[in-house]
Amino acid sequence: MPELVKDFQGRLQQEGFVELPISIEHAVKAGTLPGSHKDPFDRVLIAQAQVENAAMVTRDSLFRKYAVQCIW
C-alpha cells in the first residue's frame, strides 16, 4: 500500500486541506444549477465551491461557466 494511502487523512491535514462534507444546502444548490451539465458529481463540486466561496482546482473549462474561481 502506498505511503500516501496509509495516512491519507494525516497528509491532508499536514497540507492544510479541510474535509468538506456534502450538506443539504450543497445538494439543493447542485439540483438547481442552470445549464445542461449533467454530471452529478461535477454539479455537487460546483455547488460546494459556490456555497463555500471556494476555488476549484481543475482544467475543465466547463466549471468557469458557473461563476466558480478555477485554479490551473
PDB file of N, CA and C in Angstrom:
ATOM      1  N   MET A   1       0.850  -1.178   0.000  1.00  0.00           N
ATOM      2  CA  MET A   1       0.000   0.000   0.000  1.00  0.00           C
ATOM      3  C   MET A   1       0.898   1.244   0.000  1.00  0.00           C
ATOM      4  N   PRO A   2       0.636   2.195  -0.911  1.00  0.00           N
ATOM      5  CA  PRO A   2       1.453   3.412  -0.973  1.00  0.00           C
ATOM      6  C   PRO A   2       1.369   4.221   0.329  1.00  0.00           C
ATOM      7  N   GLU A   3       2.448   4.912   0.643  1.00  0.00           N
ATOM      8  CA  GLU A   3       2.519   5.710   1.877  1.00  0.00           C
ATOM      9  C   GLU A   3       1.392   6.732   1.968  1.00  0.00           C
ATOM     10  N   LEU A   4       1.064   7.370   0.864  1.00  0.00           N
ATOM     11  CA  LEU A   4       0.003   8.377   0.867  1.00  0.00           C
ATOM     12  C   LEU A   4      -1.316   7.781   1.333  1.00  0.00           C
ATOM     13  N   VAL A   5      -1.613   6.577   0.907  1.00  0.00           N
ATOM     14  CA  VAL A   5      -2.874   5.930   1.261  1.00  0.00           C
ATOM     15  C   VAL A   5      -2.882   5.516   2.732  1.00  0.00           C
ATOM     16  N   LYS A   6      -1.745   5.117   3.248  1.00  0.00           N
ATOM     17  CA  LYS A   6      -1.667   4.657   4.640  1.00  0.00           C
ATOM     18  C   LYS A   6      -2.087   5.737   5.623  1.00  0.00           C
ATOM     19  N   ASP A   7      -1.729   6.975   5.365  1.00  0.00           N
ATOM     20  CA  ASP A   7      -2.086   8.071   6.271  1.00  0.00           C
ATOM     21  C   ASP A   7      -2.645   9.241   5.467  1.00  0.00           C
ATOM     22  N   PHE A   8      -3.653   8.948   4.675  1.00  0.00           N
ATOM     23  CA  PHE A   8      -4.218   9.968   3.796  1.00  0.00           C
ATOM     24  C   PHE A   8      -4.772  11.149   4.588  1.00  0.00           C
ATOM     25  N   GLN A   9      -5.532  10.868   5.631  1.00  0.00           N
ATOM     26  CA  GLN A   9      -6.122  11.941   6.433  1.00  0.00           C
ATOM     27  C   GLN A   9      -5.027  12.809   7.068  1.00  0.00           C
ATOM     28  N   GLY A  10      -3.998  12.193   7.600  1.00  0.00           N
ATOM     29  CA  GLY A  10      -2.894  12.939   8.189  1.00  0.00           C
ATOM     30  C   GLY A  10      -2.188  13.807   7.173  1.00  0.00           C
ATOM     31  N   ARG A  11      -2.011  13.272   5.979  1.00  0.00           N
ATOM     32  CA  ARG A  11      -1.338  14.027   4.913  1.00  0.00           C
ATOM     33  C   ARG A  11      -2.164  15.229   4.489  1.00  0.00           C
ATOM     34  N   LEU A  12      -3.478  15.045   4.389  1.00  0.00           N
ATOM     35  CA  LEU A  12      -4.345  16.167   4.034  1.00  0.00           C
ATOM     36  C   LEU A  12      -4.260  17.270   5.082  1.00  0.00           C
ATOM     37  N   GLN A  13      -4.297  16.890   6.355  1.00  0.00           N
ATOM     38  CA  GLN A  13      -4.190  17.869   7.437  1.00  0.00           C
ATOM     39  C   GLN A  13      -2.836  18.577   7.383  1.00  0.00           C
ATOM     40  N   GLN A  14      -1.794  17.830   7.129  1.00  0.00           N
ATOM     41  CA  GLN A  14      -0.441  18.382   7.043  1.00  0.00           C
ATOM     42  C   GLN A  14      -0.356  19.440   5.940  1.00  0.00           C
ATOM     43  N   GLU A  15      -1.047  19.212   4.841  1.00  0.00           N
ATOM     44  CA  GLU A  15      -1.026  20.132   3.707  1.00  0.00           C
ATOM     45  C   GLU A  15      -2.025  21.274   3.848  1.00  0.00           C
ATOM     46  N   GLY A  16      -2.852  21.243   4.901  1.00  0.00           N
ATOM     47  CA  GLY A  16      -3.794  22.326   5.150  1.00  0.00           C
ATOM     48  C   GLY A  16      -5.148  22.167   4.484  1.00  0.00           C
ATOM     49  N   PHE A  17      -5.441  20.969   3.972  1.00  0.00           N
ATOM     50  CA  PHE A  17      -6.747  20.726   3.368  1.00  0.00           C
ATOM     51  C   PHE A  17      -7.783  20.466   4.455  1.00  0.00           C
ATOM     52  N   VAL A  18      -9.021  20.814   4.172  1.00  0.00           N
ATOM     53  CA  VAL A  18     -10.120  20.611   5.109  1.00  0.00           C
ATOM     54  C   VAL A  18     -11.174  19.745   4.427  1.00  0.00           C
ATOM     55  N   GLU A  19     -11.634  18.731   5.130  1.00  0.00           N
ATOM     56  CA  GLU A  19     -12.698  17.874   4.599  1.00  0.00           C
ATOM     57  C   GLU A  19     -13.976  18.699   4.466  1.00  0.00           C
ATOM     58  N   LEU A  20     -14.664  18.531   3.351  1.00  0.00           N
ATOM     59  CA  LEU A  20     -15.891  19.278   3.107  1.00  0.00           C
ATOM     60  C   LEU A  20     -17.025  18.298   2.824  1.00  0.00           C
ATOM     61  N   PRO A  21     -17.779  17.935   3.857  1.00  0.00           N
ATOM     62  CA  PRO A  21     -18.911  17.031   3.644  1.00  0.00           C
ATOM     63  C   PRO A  21     -19.972  17.695   2.760  1.00  0.00           C
ATOM     64  N   ILE A  22     -20.792  16.881   2.138  1.00  0.00           N
ATOM     65  CA  ILE A  22     -21.884  17.397   1.311  1.00  0.00           C
ATOM     66  C   ILE A  22     -23.061  17.704   2.221  1.00  0.00           C
ATOM     67  N   SER A  23     -23.475  18.965   2.242  1.00  0.00           N
ATOM     68  CA  SER A  23     -24.592  19.389   3.079  1.00  0.00           C
ATOM     69  C   SER A  23     -25.891  19.401   2.270  1.00  0.00           C
ATOM     70  N   ILE A  24     -26.976  19.577   2.944  1.00  0.00           N
ATOM     71  CA  ILE A  24     -28.266  19.718   2.264  1.00  0.00           C
ATOM     72  C   ILE A  24     -28.240  20.954   1.373  1.00  0.00           C
ATOM     73  N   GLU A  25     -27.628  22.024   1.854  1.00  0.00           N
ATOM     74  CA  GLU A  25     -27.535  23.244   1.052  1.00  0.00           C
ATOM     75  C   GLU A  25     -26.766  22.983  -0.242  1.00  0.00           C
ATOM     76  N   HIS A  26     -25.694  22.202  -0.151  1.00  0.00           N
ATOM     77  CA  HIS A  26     -24.926  21.852  -1.356  1.00  0.00           C
ATOM     78  C   HIS A  26     -25.794  21.047  -2.319  1.00  0.00           C
ATOM     79  N   ALA A  27     -26.529  20.081  -1.785  1.00  0.00           N
ATOM     80  CA  ALA A  27     -27.358  19.207  -2.621  1.00  0.00           C
ATOM     81  C   ALA A  27     -28.458  19.992  -3.331  1.00  0.00           C
ATOM     82  N   VAL A  28     -29.114  20.887  -2.604  1.00  0.00           N
ATOM     83  CA  VAL A  28     -30.178  21.694  -3.196  1.00  0.00           C
ATOM     84  C   VAL A  28     -29.595  22.597  -4.291  1.00  0.00           C
ATOM     85  N   LYS A  29     -28.468  23.220  -3.995  1.00  0.00           N
ATOM     86  CA  LYS A  29     -27.814  24.096  -4.986  1.00  0.00           C
ATOM     87  C   LYS A  29     -27.437  23.296  -6.235  1.00  0.00           C
ATOM     88  N   ALA A  30     -26.883  22.102  -6.042  1.00  0.00           N
ATOM     89  CA  ALA A  30     -26.493  21.259  -7.182  1.00  0.00           C
ATOM     90  C   ALA A  30     -27.699  20.902  -8.033  1.00  0.00           C
ATOM     91  N   GLY A  31     -28.803  20.623  -7.381  1.00  0.00           N
ATOM     92  CA  GLY A  31     -30.007  20.242  -8.108  1.00  0.00           C
ATOM     93  C   GLY A  31     -30.683  21.377  -8.838  1.00  0.00           C
ATOM     94  N   THR A  32     -30.349  22.608  -8.475  1.00  0.00           N
ATOM     95  CA  THR A  32     -30.995  23.757  -9.108  1.00  0.00           C
ATOM     96  C   THR A  32     -30.044  24.568  -9.990  1.00  0.00           C
ATOM     97  N   LEU A  33     -28.833  24.063 -10.211  1.00  0.00           N
ATOM     98  CA  LEU A  33     -27.912  24.771 -11.092  1.00  0.00           C
ATOM     99  C   LEU A  33     -28.463  24.820 -12.513  1.00  0.00           C
ATOM    100  N   PRO A  34     -28.310  25.946 -13.168  1.00  0.00           N
ATOM    101  CA  PRO A  34     -28.767  26.043 -14.559  1.00  0.00           C
ATOM    102  C   PRO A  34     -27.803  25.322 -15.498  1.00  0.00           C
ATOM    103  N   GLY A  35     -28.225  25.169 -16.721  1.00  0.00           N
ATOM    104  CA  GLY A  35     -27.334  24.623 -17.737  1.00  0.00           C
ATOM    105  C   GLY A  35     -27.548  23.155 -17.997  1.00  0.00           C
ATOM    106  N   SER A  36     -26.831  22.695 -18.995  1.00  0.00           N
ATOM    107  CA  SER A  36     -27.037  21.327 -19.463  1.00  0.00           C
ATOM    108  C   SER A  36     -26.013  20.347 -18.916  1.00  0.00           C
ATOM    109  N   HIS A  37     -25.147  20.789 -18.009  1.00  0.00           N
ATOM    110  CA  HIS A  37     -24.132  19.877 -17.472  1.00  0.00           C
ATOM    111  C   HIS A  37     -24.818  18.822 -16.607  1.00  0.00           C
ATOM    112  N   LYS A  38     -24.715  17.575 -16.991  1.00  0.00           N
ATOM    113  CA  LYS A  38     -25.488  16.504 -16.353  1.00  0.00           C
ATOM    114  C   LYS A  38     -24.703  15.671 -15.349  1.00  0.00           C
ATOM    115  N   ASP A  39     -23.391  15.832 -15.262  1.00  0.00           N
ATOM    116  CA  ASP A  39     -22.600  15.007 -14.344  1.00  0.00           C
ATOM    117  C   ASP A  39     -22.916  15.402 -12.905  1.00  0.00           C
ATOM    118  N   PRO A  40     -23.567  14.521 -12.143  1.00  0.00           N
ATOM    119  CA  PRO A  40     -23.986  14.887 -10.784  1.00  0.00           C
ATOM    120  C   PRO A  40     -22.812  15.200  -9.851  1.00  0.00           C
ATOM    121  N   PHE A  41     -21.689  14.515 -10.005  1.00  0.00           N
ATOM    122  CA  PHE A  41     -20.543  14.779  -9.140  1.00  0.00           C
ATOM    123  C   PHE A  41     -19.983  16.169  -9.423  1.00  0.00           C
ATOM    124  N   ASP A  42     -19.860  16.530 -10.686  1.00  0.00           N
ATOM    125  CA  ASP A  42     -19.393  17.872 -11.045  1.00  0.00           C
ATOM    126  C   ASP A  42     -20.350  18.935 -10.508  1.00  0.00           C
ATOM    127  N   ARG A  43     -21.643  18.678 -10.599  1.00  0.00           N
ATOM    128  CA  ARG A  43     -22.632  19.639 -10.113  1.00  0.00           C
ATOM    129  C   ARG A  43     -22.489  19.847  -8.607  1.00  0.00           C
ATOM    130  N   VAL A  44     -22.208  18.785  -7.870  1.00  0.00           N
ATOM    131  CA  VAL A  44     -22.004  18.915  -6.419  1.00  0.00           C
ATOM    132  C   VAL A  44     -20.730  19.730  -6.153  1.00  0.00           C
ATOM    133  N   LEU A  45     -19.670  19.466  -6.894  1.00  0.00           N
ATOM    134  CA  LEU A  45     -18.432  20.228  -6.713  1.00  0.00           C
ATOM    135  C   LEU A  45     -18.661  21.714  -7.006  1.00  0.00           C
ATOM    136  N   ILE A  46     -19.382  22.011  -8.063  1.00  0.00           N
ATOM    137  CA  ILE A  46     -19.697  23.399  -8.417  1.00  0.00           C
ATOM    138  C   ILE A  46     -20.514  24.045  -7.302  1.00  0.00           C
ATOM    139  N   ALA A  47     -21.525  23.334  -6.831  1.00  0.00           N
ATOM    140  CA  ALA A  47     -22.377  23.860  -5.763  1.00  0.00           C
ATOM    141  C   ALA A  47     -21.570  24.120  -4.497  1.00  0.00           C
ATOM    142  N   GLN A  48     -20.700  23.191  -4.130  1.00  0.00           N
ATOM    143  CA  GLN A  48     -19.876  23.387  -2.941  1.00  0.00           C
ATOM    144  C   GLN A  48     -18.976  24.612  -3.104  1.00  0.00           C
ATOM    145  N   ALA A  49     -18.367  24.755  -4.257  1.00  0.00           N
ATOM    146  CA  ALA A  49     -17.491  25.903  -4.495  1.00  0.00           C
ATOM    147  C   ALA A  49     -18.276  27.207  -4.387  1.00  0.00           C
ATOM    148  N   GLN A  50     -19.488  27.227  -4.921  1.00  0.00           N
ATOM    149  CA  GLN A  50     -20.302  28.438  -4.859  1.00  0.00           C
ATOM    150  C   GLN A  50     -20.748  28.735  -3.430  1.00  0.00           C
ATOM    151  N   VAL A  51     -21.285  27.748  -2.748  1.00  0.00           N
ATOM    152  CA  VAL A  51     -21.807  27.939  -1.385  1.00  0.00           C
ATOM    153  C   VAL A  51     -20.689  28.313  -0.412  1.00  0.00           C
ATOM    154  N   GLU A  52     -19.553  27.652  -0.537  1.00  0.00           N
ATOM    155  CA  GLU A  52     -18.446  27.860   0.401  1.00  0.00           C
ATOM    156  C   GLU A  52     -17.476  28.950  -0.056  1.00  0.00           C
ATOM    157  N   ASN A  53     -17.765  29.571  -1.210  1.00  0.00           N
ATOM    158  CA  ASN A  53     -16.875  30.578  -1.785  1.00  0.00           C
ATOM    159  C   ASN A  53     -15.445  30.034  -1.875  1.00  0.00           C
ATOM    160  N   ALA A  54     -15.341  28.849  -2.435  1.00  0.00           N
ATOM    161  CA  ALA A  54     -14.057  28.156  -2.552  1.00  0.00           C
ATOM    162  C   ALA A  54     -13.648  28.073  -4.023  1.00  0.00           C
ATOM    163  N   ALA A  55     -12.364  27.953  -4.240  1.00  0.00           N
ATOM    164  CA  ALA A  55     -11.841  27.809  -5.601  1.00  0.00           C
ATOM    165  C   ALA A  55     -11.770  26.331  -5.973  1.00  0.00           C
ATOM    166  N   MET A  56     -11.909  26.069  -7.258  1.00  0.00           N
ATOM    167  CA  MET A  56     -11.777  24.717  -7.794  1.00  0.00           C
ATOM    168  C   MET A  56     -10.391  24.560  -8.406  1.00  0.00           C
ATOM    169  N   VAL A  57      -9.783  23.417  -8.194  1.00  0.00           N
ATOM    170  CA  VAL A  57      -8.527  23.097  -8.865  1.00  0.00           C
ATOM    171  C   VAL A  57      -8.894  22.175 -10.018  1.00  0.00           C
ATOM    172  N   THR A  58      -9.001  22.746 -11.207  1.00  0.00           N
ATOM    173  CA  THR A  58      -9.434  21.979 -12.370  1.00  0.00           C
ATOM    174  C   THR A  58      -8.986  22.658 -13.658  1.00  0.00           C
ATOM    175  N   ARG A  59      -8.835  21.854 -14.686  1.00  0.00           N
ATOM    176  CA  ARG A  59      -8.568  22.379 -16.031  1.00  0.00           C
ATOM    177  C   ARG A  59      -9.831  22.336 -16.881  1.00  0.00           C
ATOM    178  N   ASP A  60     -10.912  21.827 -16.332  1.00  0.00           N
ATOM    179  CA  ASP A  60     -12.170  21.691 -17.061  1.00  0.00           C
ATOM    180  C   ASP A  60     -12.809  23.068 -17.238  1.00  0.00           C
ATOM    181  N   SER A  61     -12.847  23.557 -18.453  1.00  0.00           N
ATOM    182  CA  SER A  61     -13.373  24.899 -18.718  1.00  0.00           C
ATOM    183  C   SER A  61     -14.864  25.021 -18.418  1.00  0.00           C
ATOM    184  N   LEU A  62     -15.561  23.918 -18.344  1.00  0.00           N
ATOM    185  CA  LEU A  62     -16.993  23.940 -18.055  1.00  0.00           C
ATOM    186  C   LEU A  62     -17.287  24.579 -16.698  1.00  0.00           C
ATOM    187  N   PHE A  63     -16.411  24.394 -15.734  1.00  0.00           N
ATOM    188  CA  PHE A  63     -16.628  24.942 -14.397  1.00  0.00           C
ATOM    189  C   PHE A  63     -16.672  26.464 -14.417  1.00  0.00           C
ATOM    190  N   ARG A  64     -15.937  27.078 -15.327  1.00  0.00           N
ATOM    191  CA  ARG A  64     -15.900  28.539 -15.405  1.00  0.00           C
ATOM    192  C   ARG A  64     -17.248  29.125 -15.829  1.00  0.00           C
ATOM    193  N   LYS A  65     -18.072  28.341 -16.476  1.00  0.00           N
ATOM    194  CA  LYS A  65     -19.398  28.801 -16.890  1.00  0.00           C
ATOM    195  C   LYS A  65     -20.340  28.972 -15.698  1.00  0.00           C
ATOM    196  N   TYR A  66     -19.936  28.489 -14.534  1.00  0.00           N
ATOM    197  CA  TYR A  66     -20.783  28.539 -13.343  1.00  0.00           C
ATOM    198  C   TYR A  66     -20.277  29.539 -12.304  1.00  0.00           C
ATOM    199  N   ALA A  67     -19.539  30.531 -12.738  1.00  0.00           N
ATOM    200  CA  ALA A  67     -19.037  31.583 -11.836  1.00  0.00           C
ATOM    201  C   ALA A  67     -18.289  30.994 -10.649  1.00  0.00           C
ATOM    202  N   VAL A  68     -17.414  30.050 -10.950  1.00  0.00           N
ATOM    203  CA  VAL A  68     -16.585  29.426  -9.935  1.00  0.00           C
ATOM    204  C   VAL A  68     -15.130  29.804 -10.227  1.00  0.00           C
ATOM    205  N   GLN A  69     -14.405  30.236  -9.191  1.00  0.00           N
ATOM    206  CA  GLN A  69     -12.996  30.545  -9.382  1.00  0.00           C
ATOM    207  C   GLN A  69     -12.247  29.247  -9.628  1.00  0.00           C
ATOM    208  N   CYS A  70     -11.507  29.188 -10.723  1.00  0.00           N
ATOM    209  CA  CYS A  70     -10.757  27.989 -11.070  1.00  0.00           C
ATOM    210  C   CYS A  70      -9.259  28.275 -11.034  1.00  0.00           C
ATOM    211  N   ILE A  71      -8.532  27.374 -10.423  1.00  0.00           N
ATOM    212  CA  ILE A  71      -7.087  27.461 -10.352  1.00  0.00           C
ATOM    213  C   ILE A  71      -6.539  26.349 -11.230  1.00  0.00           C
ATOM    214  N   TRP A  72      -5.710  26.735 -12.172  1.00  0.00           N
ATOM    215  CA  TRP A  72      -4.982  25.829 -13.058  1.00  0.00           C
ATOM    216  C   TRP A  72      -5.340  26.047 -14.444  1.00  0.00           C
TER     217      TRP A  72
END
